[in-house]
Amino acid sequence: MLKRVARLEAQRAPKASPIEVLYGSVDGFAAECMEGVASGKLCPVDMPIILDCIRRWHRDGDYGARRTNCNGVWNRA
């Protein structure tokens, strides 16, 4: 019974976001982006705004949202 409960809880656990998979964390991604800003490769005006959006996207779990039909309704994966 406990194994079954553990399996069910593991299935309910939130999946890692693509950022976590690729960079380990949102902060790791942000640090890499800010290095790009410091080196002049990324825009110093736009990048902080983009990072705020990505942090919110990650915090709210919106990376699991997808459009599943043609009427514009978004569903969580």
Protein backbone atom coordinates (compact mmCIF):
# COMPACT_ATOMS: atom_id res chain seq x y z
CA MET A 1 0.00 0.00 0.00
CA LEU A 2 2.79 2.44 0.89
CA LYS A 3 4.53 1.74 -2.41
CA ARG A 4 1.32 2.56 -4.25
CA VAL A 5 0.90 5.82 -2.32
CA ALA A 6 4.51 6.76 -3.03
CA ARG A 7 4.00 6.06 -6.73
CA LEU A 8 0.84 8.18 -6.82
CA GLU A 9 2.58 11.04 -5.02
CA ALA A 10 5.49 10.86 -7.46
CA GLN A 11 3.06 11.12 -10.37
CA ARG A 12 1.48 14.23 -8.84
CA ALA A 13 4.82 15.96 -8.25
CA PRO A 14 5.39 18.85 -10.63
CA LYS A 15 7.62 18.03 -13.56
CA ALA A 16 10.83 19.94 -14.02
CA SER A 17 10.56 22.89 -16.35
CA PRO A 18 12.67 22.97 -19.52
CA ILE A 19 14.84 25.64 -17.87
CA GLU A 20 15.51 23.36 -14.87
CA VAL A 21 16.35 20.48 -17.18
CA LEU A 22 18.80 22.49 -19.28
CA TYR A 23 20.32 24.87 -16.70
CA GLY A 24 19.61 23.29 -13.31
CA SER A 25 17.53 26.24 -12.11
CA VAL A 26 16.04 29.53 -13.22
CA ASP A 27 18.74 31.34 -11.26
CA GLY A 28 21.43 29.42 -13.18
CA PHE A 29 19.79 30.43 -16.45
CA ALA A 30 19.52 34.05 -15.30
CA ALA A 31 23.19 34.12 -14.29
CA GLU A 32 24.20 32.83 -17.71
CA CYS A 33 22.00 35.43 -19.40
CA MET A 34 23.42 38.23 -17.32
CA GLU A 35 26.92 37.14 -18.34
CA GLY A 36 25.71 37.58 -21.91
CA VAL A 37 24.46 41.07 -21.04
CA ALA A 38 27.80 41.94 -19.43
CA SER A 39 29.69 40.76 -22.51
CA GLY A 40 27.43 42.74 -24.84
CA LYS A 41 25.84 39.69 -26.51
CA LEU A 42 22.37 40.26 -25.03
CA CYS A 43 20.34 43.44 -24.69
CA PRO A 44 20.71 45.10 -21.26
CA VAL A 45 17.23 46.65 -21.56
CA ASP A 46 15.24 43.64 -22.71
CA MET A 47 16.96 40.77 -20.89
CA PRO A 48 15.94 41.72 -17.32
CA ILE A 49 12.31 41.97 -18.49
CA ILE A 50 12.53 38.62 -20.24
CA LEU A 51 14.04 37.05 -17.12
CA ASP A 52 11.20 38.42 -14.99
CA CYS A 53 8.71 36.85 -17.40
CA ILE A 54 10.54 33.54 -17.31
CA ARG A 55 10.63 33.59 -13.49
CA ARG A 56 6.87 34.19 -13.40
CA TRP A 57 6.32 31.51 -16.05
CA HIS A 58 8.31 29.11 -13.92
CA ARG A 59 6.75 30.13 -10.60
CA ASP A 60 3.20 29.78 -11.93
CA GLY A 61 3.94 26.49 -13.67
CA ASP A 62 2.85 27.83 -17.04
CA TYR A 63 5.56 25.82 -18.79
CA GLY A 64 3.08 22.94 -18.61
CA ALA A 65 0.33 24.84 -20.43
CA ARG A 66 -0.40 24.03 -24.02
CA ARG A 67 -3.06 24.81 -26.54
CA THR A 68 -4.97 21.61 -27.17
CA ASN A 69 -7.76 22.69 -29.47
CA CYS A 70 -8.60 25.31 -32.06
CA ASN A 71 -10.91 27.49 -29.96
CA GLY A 72 -8.05 29.15 -28.06
CA VAL A 73 -8.41 27.24 -24.79
CA TRP A 74 -5.15 26.49 -22.98
CA ASN A 75 -4.88 23.43 -20.78
CA ARG A 76 -2.25 22.34 -18.31
CA ALA A 77 -0.18 19.37 -19.34
